[in-house]
Amino acid sequence: MLLNLPEDYLHRLPDLEQYLSRLKPTIKPEVGGAAIKPLVFIAGPYSHPYPIYNTHRAMVWYDALVESQIVIPYCAHWTMFQDLILPRPYEEWLSVDRQILRRCDGVLRLIGTSEGADGEVSLAEKLQKKIFREERFEDLFPWAVEWIEANN
């Protein structure tokens, strides 16, 4: 391995599939499908210790949230690919992220040290967005069901 990362760096992801299989029978049919769903911003470490690993973790969460069919996730980490071809200063990426965050309904804060993600959570708190922590990700799903029922 090129990087000297702790073995548990990627953190074992919770068994989202098992949780979602228990949750789905409780979701009314009108909640899935074409219903308008809450937009959830994935906030997490990017730069430290390595963008590829952090982007991988964020993409795994994105995929799991899409699979849930009850939220629409936004993964800011994807700007890594844009930055490979047409680089921009880090602060510009944060500015774009803050604009998108303003349009989101909630935030999922992933585990890990990150001034950028901490700033995004701080902005979300000021904007009174709902904030969820990776450690208690399961709280996101009942909120999303309530949001869908209230907004459709």
N, C-alpha and C. Protein backbone atom coordinates (compact mmCIF):
# COMPACT_ATOMS: atom_id res chain seq x y z
N MET A 1 0.85 -1.18 0.00
CA MET A 1 0.00 0.00 0.00
C MET A 1 0.89 1.24 0.00
N LEU A 2 0.51 2.23 -0.79
CA LEU A 2 1.31 3.43 -0.90
C LEU A 2 1.19 4.34 0.31
N LEU A 3 0.04 4.32 0.94
CA LEU A 3 -0.19 5.19 2.08
C LEU A 3 -0.13 4.40 3.38
N ASN A 4 0.32 5.04 4.42
CA ASN A 4 0.36 4.40 5.73
C ASN A 4 -0.89 4.81 6.50
N LEU A 5 -2.02 4.17 6.20
CA LEU A 5 -3.29 4.48 6.84
C LEU A 5 -3.60 3.44 7.89
N PRO A 6 -4.26 3.83 8.97
CA PRO A 6 -4.68 2.83 9.94
C PRO A 6 -5.62 1.82 9.29
N GLU A 7 -5.58 0.59 9.75
CA GLU A 7 -6.42 -0.46 9.16
C GLU A 7 -7.89 -0.11 9.18
N ASP A 8 -8.35 0.57 10.22
CA ASP A 8 -9.78 0.85 10.35
C ASP A 8 -10.15 2.20 9.73
N TYR A 9 -9.26 2.76 8.91
CA TYR A 9 -9.52 4.10 8.39
C TYR A 9 -10.87 4.20 7.68
N LEU A 10 -11.18 3.24 6.83
CA LEU A 10 -12.43 3.33 6.08
C LEU A 10 -13.65 3.10 6.95
N HIS A 11 -13.45 2.72 8.18
CA HIS A 11 -14.54 2.45 9.13
C HIS A 11 -15.52 1.45 8.51
N ARG A 12 -15.85 0.47 9.26
CA ARG A 12 -16.84 -0.49 8.78
C ARG A 12 -18.18 0.22 8.65
N LEU A 13 -18.73 0.20 7.47
CA LEU A 13 -20.02 0.85 7.26
C LEU A 13 -21.10 0.04 7.95
N PRO A 14 -22.09 0.70 8.53
CA PRO A 14 -23.20 -0.02 9.15
C PRO A 14 -23.88 -0.91 8.12
N ASP A 15 -24.55 -1.90 8.58
CA ASP A 15 -25.25 -2.82 7.69
C ASP A 15 -26.53 -2.13 7.20
N LEU A 16 -26.34 -1.25 6.22
CA LEU A 16 -27.46 -0.47 5.71
C LEU A 16 -28.51 -1.36 5.06
N GLU A 17 -28.06 -2.38 4.36
CA GLU A 17 -29.02 -3.26 3.68
C GLU A 17 -29.97 -3.91 4.68
N GLN A 18 -29.44 -4.39 5.79
CA GLN A 18 -30.29 -5.03 6.80
C GLN A 18 -31.24 -4.00 7.41
N TYR A 19 -30.74 -2.80 7.70
CA TYR A 19 -31.61 -1.77 8.26
C TYR A 19 -32.72 -1.40 7.28
N LEU A 20 -32.34 -1.20 6.02
CA LEU A 20 -33.33 -0.79 5.02
C LEU A 20 -34.38 -1.87 4.80
N SER A 21 -33.98 -3.14 4.87
CA SER A 21 -34.97 -4.22 4.69
C SER A 21 -35.99 -4.20 5.82
N ARG A 22 -35.57 -3.79 7.02
CA ARG A 22 -36.53 -3.68 8.13
C ARG A 22 -37.40 -2.44 7.98
N LEU A 23 -36.84 -1.38 7.40
CA LEU A 23 -37.56 -0.13 7.28
C LEU A 23 -38.59 -0.15 6.15
N LYS A 24 -38.26 -0.74 5.02
CA LYS A 24 -39.12 -0.67 3.83
C LYS A 24 -40.56 -1.12 4.07
N PRO A 25 -40.81 -2.19 4.84
CA PRO A 25 -42.21 -2.56 5.06
C PRO A 25 -43.01 -1.48 5.79
N THR A 26 -42.35 -0.55 6.47
CA THR A 26 -43.06 0.50 7.20
C THR A 26 -43.32 1.73 6.33
N ILE A 27 -42.74 1.77 5.15
CA ILE A 27 -42.91 2.92 4.26
C ILE A 27 -44.16 2.72 3.40
N LYS A 28 -45.03 3.70 3.41
CA LYS A 28 -46.24 3.63 2.60
C LYS A 28 -45.85 3.67 1.12
N PRO A 29 -46.60 3.00 0.25
CA PRO A 29 -46.24 2.97 -1.18
C PRO A 29 -46.10 4.36 -1.79
N GLU A 30 -46.91 5.31 -1.35
CA GLU A 30 -46.83 6.65 -1.93
C GLU A 30 -45.56 7.39 -1.52
N VAL A 31 -44.86 6.90 -0.50
CA VAL A 31 -43.63 7.55 -0.05
C VAL A 31 -42.50 7.27 -1.02
N GLY A 32 -42.45 6.07 -1.58
CA GLY A 32 -41.41 5.74 -2.55
C GLY A 32 -41.79 6.26 -3.92
N GLY A 33 -41.18 5.72 -4.94
CA GLY A 33 -41.56 6.06 -6.31
C GLY A 33 -41.36 7.51 -6.66
N ALA A 34 -42.41 8.14 -7.19
CA ALA A 34 -42.31 9.48 -7.75
C ALA A 34 -42.47 10.60 -6.73
N ALA A 35 -42.59 10.28 -5.46
CA ALA A 35 -42.75 11.32 -4.44
C ALA A 35 -41.54 12.25 -4.42
N ILE A 36 -41.78 13.51 -4.10
CA ILE A 36 -40.68 14.45 -3.88
C ILE A 36 -40.00 14.04 -2.58
N LYS A 37 -38.68 13.90 -2.63
CA LYS A 37 -37.92 13.40 -1.49
C LYS A 37 -36.95 14.46 -0.99
N PRO A 38 -36.56 14.37 0.28
CA PRO A 38 -35.62 15.35 0.81
C PRO A 38 -34.23 15.19 0.19
N LEU A 39 -33.59 16.31 -0.03
CA LEU A 39 -32.23 16.36 -0.57
C LEU A 39 -31.27 16.38 0.62
N VAL A 40 -30.36 15.41 0.66
CA VAL A 40 -29.44 15.25 1.79
C VAL A 40 -28.00 15.43 1.33
N PHE A 41 -27.35 16.41 1.92
CA PHE A 41 -25.95 16.75 1.62
C PHE A 41 -25.04 15.83 2.43
N ILE A 42 -24.12 15.15 1.76
CA ILE A 42 -23.15 14.30 2.46
C ILE A 42 -21.92 15.14 2.76
N ALA A 43 -21.68 15.39 4.04
CA ALA A 43 -20.53 16.20 4.48
C ALA A 43 -19.54 15.28 5.18
N GLY A 44 -18.30 15.32 4.75
CA GLY A 44 -17.29 14.47 5.38
C GLY A 44 -15.90 14.90 4.99
N PRO A 45 -14.92 14.25 5.58
CA PRO A 45 -13.53 14.59 5.26
C PRO A 45 -13.26 14.44 3.77
N TYR A 46 -12.41 15.30 3.25
CA TYR A 46 -11.99 15.19 1.86
C TYR A 46 -10.46 15.10 1.76
N SER A 47 -9.78 16.08 2.25
CA SER A 47 -8.34 16.20 2.04
C SER A 47 -7.48 15.24 2.86
N HIS A 48 -7.84 15.05 4.11
CA HIS A 48 -6.98 14.27 5.01
C HIS A 48 -7.60 12.93 5.34
N PRO A 49 -6.93 11.83 5.27
CA PRO A 49 -5.53 11.74 4.88
C PRO A 49 -5.34 11.64 3.37
N TYR A 50 -6.42 11.34 2.62
CA TYR A 50 -6.25 11.18 1.18
C TYR A 50 -7.62 11.28 0.49
N PRO A 51 -7.76 12.17 -0.51
CA PRO A 51 -9.06 12.36 -1.14
C PRO A 51 -9.70 11.11 -1.75
N ILE A 52 -8.91 10.22 -2.29
CA ILE A 52 -9.48 9.02 -2.92
C ILE A 52 -10.23 8.17 -1.89
N TYR A 53 -9.63 7.96 -0.74
CA TYR A 53 -10.29 7.15 0.30
C TYR A 53 -11.54 7.83 0.82
N ASN A 54 -11.46 9.13 1.04
CA ASN A 54 -12.63 9.85 1.55
C ASN A 54 -13.75 9.90 0.52
N THR A 55 -13.39 10.06 -0.74
CA THR A 55 -14.40 10.07 -1.80
C THR A 55 -15.04 8.69 -1.92
N HIS A 56 -14.25 7.66 -1.80
CA HIS A 56 -14.80 6.30 -1.83
C HIS A 56 -15.85 6.12 -0.73
N ARG A 57 -15.54 6.52 0.48
CA ARG A 57 -16.50 6.38 1.59
C ARG A 57 -17.77 7.18 1.32
N ALA A 58 -17.61 8.41 0.84
CA ALA A 58 -18.79 9.23 0.55
C ALA A 58 -19.64 8.62 -0.56
N MET A 59 -19.00 8.01 -1.54
CA MET A 59 -19.74 7.38 -2.64
C MET A 59 -20.47 6.13 -2.17
N VAL A 60 -19.89 5.40 -1.24
CA VAL A 60 -20.59 4.23 -0.67
C VAL A 60 -21.84 4.70 0.05
N TRP A 61 -21.73 5.79 0.80
CA TRP A 61 -22.91 6.34 1.48
C TRP A 61 -23.93 6.84 0.46
N TYR A 62 -23.46 7.53 -0.58
CA TYR A 62 -24.36 8.01 -1.63
C TYR A 62 -25.17 6.84 -2.19
N ASP A 63 -24.47 5.77 -2.54
CA ASP A 63 -25.13 4.61 -3.13
C ASP A 63 -26.16 4.02 -2.18
N ALA A 64 -25.80 3.90 -0.91
CA ALA A 64 -26.73 3.35 0.09
C ALA A 64 -27.97 4.24 0.23
N LEU A 65 -27.77 5.55 0.20
CA LEU A 65 -28.92 6.46 0.33
C LEU A 65 -29.82 6.41 -0.90
N VAL A 66 -29.22 6.30 -2.08
CA VAL A 66 -30.02 6.13 -3.30
C VAL A 66 -30.82 4.84 -3.19
N GLU A 67 -30.17 3.79 -2.73
CA GLU A 67 -30.83 2.48 -2.59
C GLU A 67 -32.02 2.56 -1.63
N SER A 68 -31.95 3.43 -0.65
CA SER A 68 -33.04 3.56 0.32
C SER A 68 -34.34 4.03 -0.34
N GLN A 69 -34.23 4.74 -1.45
CA GLN A 69 -35.36 5.26 -2.21
C GLN A 69 -36.21 6.27 -1.43
N ILE A 70 -35.68 6.78 -0.33
CA ILE A 70 -36.47 7.77 0.41
C ILE A 70 -35.75 9.09 0.59
N VAL A 71 -34.52 9.22 0.09
CA VAL A 71 -33.83 10.51 0.06
C VAL A 71 -33.09 10.63 -1.26
N ILE A 72 -32.79 11.86 -1.63
CA ILE A 72 -31.92 12.14 -2.78
C ILE A 72 -30.62 12.70 -2.19
N PRO A 73 -29.54 11.94 -2.27
CA PRO A 73 -28.28 12.43 -1.70
C PRO A 73 -27.52 13.33 -2.68
N TYR A 74 -26.71 14.21 -2.12
CA TYR A 74 -25.77 15.01 -2.90
C TYR A 74 -24.38 14.75 -2.34
N CYS A 75 -23.46 14.35 -3.21
CA CYS A 75 -22.11 14.00 -2.79
C CYS A 75 -21.13 15.05 -3.32
N ALA A 76 -20.75 15.98 -2.48
CA ALA A 76 -19.83 17.06 -2.88
C ALA A 76 -18.45 16.52 -3.24
N HIS A 77 -18.13 15.35 -2.77
CA HIS A 77 -16.82 14.76 -3.06
C HIS A 77 -16.60 14.52 -4.55
N TRP A 78 -17.67 14.47 -5.33
CA TRP A 78 -17.53 14.24 -6.76
C TRP A 78 -16.76 15.35 -7.46
N THR A 79 -16.67 16.52 -6.84
CA THR A 79 -15.90 17.59 -7.47
C THR A 79 -14.43 17.19 -7.64
N MET A 80 -14.02 16.13 -6.95
CA MET A 80 -12.66 15.62 -7.12
C MET A 80 -12.41 15.31 -8.60
N PHE A 81 -13.39 14.75 -9.28
CA PHE A 81 -13.21 14.37 -10.68
C PHE A 81 -13.15 15.61 -11.58
N GLN A 82 -13.97 16.60 -11.29
CA GLN A 82 -13.93 17.86 -12.03
C GLN A 82 -12.58 18.53 -11.81
N ASP A 83 -12.09 18.49 -10.57
CA ASP A 83 -10.84 19.15 -10.22
C ASP A 83 -9.63 18.47 -10.88
N LEU A 84 -9.73 17.19 -11.19
CA LEU A 84 -8.64 16.50 -11.88
C LEU A 84 -8.44 17.06 -13.29
N ILE A 85 -9.52 17.45 -13.94
CA ILE A 85 -9.46 17.94 -15.32
C ILE A 85 -9.31 19.46 -15.36
N LEU A 86 -10.10 20.14 -14.58
CA LEU A 86 -10.10 21.61 -14.56
C LEU A 86 -9.99 22.09 -13.11
N PRO A 87 -8.77 22.14 -12.57
CA PRO A 87 -8.59 22.47 -11.16
C PRO A 87 -9.07 23.89 -10.80
N ARG A 88 -9.55 23.99 -9.58
CA ARG A 88 -9.95 25.28 -9.00
C ARG A 88 -9.41 25.32 -7.58
N PRO A 89 -9.28 26.50 -7.03
CA PRO A 89 -8.82 26.60 -5.64
C PRO A 89 -9.83 25.95 -4.68
N TYR A 90 -9.31 25.36 -3.62
CA TYR A 90 -10.12 24.67 -2.62
C TYR A 90 -11.27 25.55 -2.13
N GLU A 91 -11.01 26.83 -1.88
CA GLU A 91 -12.05 27.74 -1.37
C GLU A 91 -13.21 27.89 -2.36
N GLU A 92 -12.92 27.82 -3.65
CA GLU A 92 -14.00 27.90 -4.64
C GLU A 92 -14.91 26.68 -4.54
N TRP A 93 -14.30 25.50 -4.34
CA TRP A 93 -15.12 24.30 -4.18
C TRP A 93 -15.99 24.41 -2.93
N LEU A 94 -15.43 24.92 -1.85
CA LEU A 94 -16.22 25.08 -0.63
C LEU A 94 -17.37 26.06 -0.84
N SER A 95 -17.12 27.11 -1.62
CA SER A 95 -18.16 28.09 -1.90
C SER A 95 -19.31 27.45 -2.68
N VAL A 96 -18.99 26.64 -3.67
CA VAL A 96 -20.02 25.92 -4.43
C VAL A 96 -20.80 25.00 -3.50
N ASP A 97 -20.06 24.27 -2.66
CA ASP A 97 -20.72 23.35 -1.72
C ASP A 97 -21.68 24.08 -0.80
N ARG A 98 -21.28 25.25 -0.31
CA ARG A 98 -22.16 26.01 0.59
C ARG A 98 -23.43 26.46 -0.12
N GLN A 99 -23.32 26.81 -1.40
CA GLN A 99 -24.52 27.20 -2.15
C GLN A 99 -25.47 26.02 -2.32
N ILE A 100 -24.92 24.86 -2.62
CA ILE A 100 -25.77 23.67 -2.77
C ILE A 100 -26.37 23.28 -1.42
N LEU A 101 -25.57 23.37 -0.38
CA LEU A 101 -26.05 23.03 0.97
C LEU A 101 -27.27 23.87 1.35
N ARG A 102 -27.30 25.12 0.94
CA ARG A 102 -28.44 25.99 1.25
C ARG A 102 -29.74 25.44 0.67
N ARG A 103 -29.65 24.66 -0.40
CA ARG A 103 -30.85 24.11 -1.05
C ARG A 103 -31.23 22.73 -0.53
N CYS A 104 -30.37 22.16 0.29
CA CYS A 104 -30.63 20.82 0.83
C CYS A 104 -31.55 20.89 2.04
N ASP A 105 -32.18 19.77 2.33
CA ASP A 105 -33.09 19.68 3.48
C ASP A 105 -32.39 19.13 4.71
N GLY A 106 -31.35 18.36 4.50
CA GLY A 106 -30.64 17.74 5.62
C GLY A 106 -29.18 17.50 5.27
N VAL A 107 -28.42 17.13 6.28
CA VAL A 107 -26.99 16.86 6.12
C VAL A 107 -26.66 15.56 6.84
N LEU A 108 -25.90 14.71 6.18
CA LEU A 108 -25.33 13.52 6.82
C LEU A 108 -23.84 13.79 7.00
N ARG A 109 -23.41 13.92 8.26
CA ARG A 109 -21.99 14.19 8.58
C ARG A 109 -21.28 12.87 8.80
N LEU A 110 -20.33 12.57 7.92
CA LEU A 110 -19.56 11.35 8.02
C LEU A 110 -18.47 11.48 9.08
N ILE A 111 -18.04 10.36 9.61
CA ILE A 111 -16.99 10.31 10.62
C ILE A 111 -15.68 10.82 10.03
N GLY A 112 -14.92 11.57 10.82
CA GLY A 112 -13.59 12.01 10.42
C GLY A 112 -13.38 13.48 10.65
N THR A 113 -12.14 13.84 10.85
CA THR A 113 -11.77 15.24 11.09
C THR A 113 -11.79 16.00 9.77
N SER A 114 -12.48 17.14 9.77
CA SER A 114 -12.56 17.95 8.55
C SER A 114 -13.06 19.34 8.88
N GLU A 115 -12.20 20.33 8.66
CA GLU A 115 -12.64 21.72 8.86
C GLU A 115 -13.74 22.08 7.87
N GLY A 116 -13.62 21.60 6.62
CA GLY A 116 -14.63 21.90 5.61
C GLY A 116 -15.99 21.33 5.98
N ALA A 117 -16.02 20.05 6.39
CA ALA A 117 -17.29 19.43 6.78
C ALA A 117 -17.84 20.06 8.05
N ASP A 118 -16.95 20.42 8.98
CA ASP A 118 -17.41 21.11 10.19
C ASP A 118 -18.05 22.45 9.84
N GLY A 119 -17.46 23.15 8.86
CA GLY A 119 -18.04 24.42 8.41
C GLY A 119 -19.39 24.22 7.74
N GLU A 120 -19.53 23.13 6.99
CA GLU A 120 -20.81 22.82 6.35
C GLU A 120 -21.87 22.52 7.40
N VAL A 121 -21.51 21.78 8.43
CA VAL A 121 -22.47 21.49 9.51
C VAL A 121 -22.84 22.77 10.25
N SER A 122 -21.86 23.63 10.47
CA SER A 122 -22.13 24.91 11.14
C SER A 122 -23.12 25.75 10.32
N LEU A 123 -22.91 25.81 9.02
CA LEU A 123 -23.85 26.53 8.15
C LEU A 123 -25.22 25.89 8.19
N ALA A 124 -25.26 24.57 8.14
CA ALA A 124 -26.54 23.86 8.19
C ALA A 124 -27.28 24.17 9.48
N GLU A 125 -26.57 24.23 10.59
CA GLU A 125 -27.19 24.58 11.87
C GLU A 125 -27.78 25.98 11.83
N LYS A 126 -27.03 26.93 11.26
CA LYS A 126 -27.52 28.31 11.14
C LYS A 126 -28.78 28.39 10.27
N LEU A 127 -28.81 27.54 9.25
CA LEU A 127 -29.96 27.51 8.34
C LEU A 127 -31.09 26.62 8.84
N GLN A 128 -30.90 26.05 10.02
CA GLN A 128 -31.88 25.17 10.66
C GLN A 128 -32.20 23.94 9.81
N LYS A 129 -31.16 23.40 9.19
CA LYS A 129 -31.29 22.15 8.45
C LYS A 129 -31.17 21.00 9.45
N LYS A 130 -31.76 19.89 9.13
CA LYS A 130 -31.67 18.71 9.97
C LYS A 130 -30.29 18.07 9.76
N ILE A 131 -29.60 17.75 10.84
CA ILE A 131 -28.26 17.19 10.76
C ILE A 131 -28.26 15.80 11.37
N PHE A 132 -27.66 14.88 10.62
CA PHE A 132 -27.53 13.49 11.06
C PHE A 132 -26.05 13.12 11.09
N ARG A 133 -25.69 12.29 12.03
CA ARG A 133 -24.30 11.84 12.17
C ARG A 133 -24.20 10.40 11.71
N GLU A 134 -23.10 10.06 11.07
CA GLU A 134 -22.90 8.70 10.60
C GLU A 134 -23.10 7.68 11.72
N GLU A 135 -22.66 8.03 12.92
CA GLU A 135 -22.77 7.11 14.04
C GLU A 135 -24.22 6.76 14.36
N ARG A 136 -25.16 7.65 14.00
CA ARG A 136 -26.59 7.41 14.25
C ARG A 136 -27.38 7.64 12.96
N PHE A 137 -26.84 7.09 11.87
CA PHE A 137 -27.44 7.32 10.55
C PHE A 137 -28.90 6.88 10.49
N GLU A 138 -29.27 5.90 11.31
CA GLU A 138 -30.64 5.38 11.22
C GLU A 138 -31.69 6.44 11.56
N ASP A 139 -31.31 7.52 12.25
CA ASP A 139 -32.25 8.60 12.56
C ASP A 139 -32.71 9.32 11.29
N LEU A 140 -31.93 9.23 10.23
CA LEU A 140 -32.26 9.93 8.99
C LEU A 140 -33.53 9.38 8.35
N PHE A 141 -33.76 8.08 8.43
CA PHE A 141 -34.85 7.47 7.68
C PHE A 141 -36.24 7.83 8.21
N PRO A 142 -36.51 7.77 9.51
CA PRO A 142 -37.84 8.20 9.97
C PRO A 142 -38.10 9.68 9.65
N TRP A 143 -37.05 10.52 9.76
CA TRP A 143 -37.19 11.93 9.41
C TRP A 143 -37.58 12.06 7.95
N ALA A 144 -36.90 11.29 7.07
CA ALA A 144 -37.18 11.37 5.64
C ALA A 144 -38.61 10.96 5.33
N VAL A 145 -39.09 9.91 5.98
CA VAL A 145 -40.48 9.47 5.77
C VAL A 145 -41.44 10.58 6.17
N GLU A 146 -41.21 11.20 7.32
CA GLU A 146 -42.06 12.32 7.77
C GLU A 146 -41.99 13.47 6.78
N TRP A 147 -40.79 13.79 6.31
CA TRP A 147 -40.60 14.89 5.35
C TRP A 147 -41.40 14.62 4.09
N ILE A 148 -41.31 13.39 3.58
CA ILE A 148 -42.01 13.02 2.34
C ILE A 148 -43.53 13.14 2.54
N GLU A 149 -44.00 12.62 3.65
CA GLU A 149 -45.45 12.68 3.90
C GLU A 149 -45.93 14.12 4.05
N ALA A 150 -45.10 14.99 4.61
CA ALA A 150 -45.50 16.39 4.80
C ALA A 150 -45.39 17.22 3.52
N ASN A 151 -44.58 16.78 2.57
CA ASN A 151 -44.29 17.59 1.38
C ASN A 151 -44.87 17.02 0.08
N ASN A 152 -45.70 16.00 0.18
CA ASN A 152 -46.30 15.43 -1.03
C ASN A 152 -47.81 15.42 -0.90
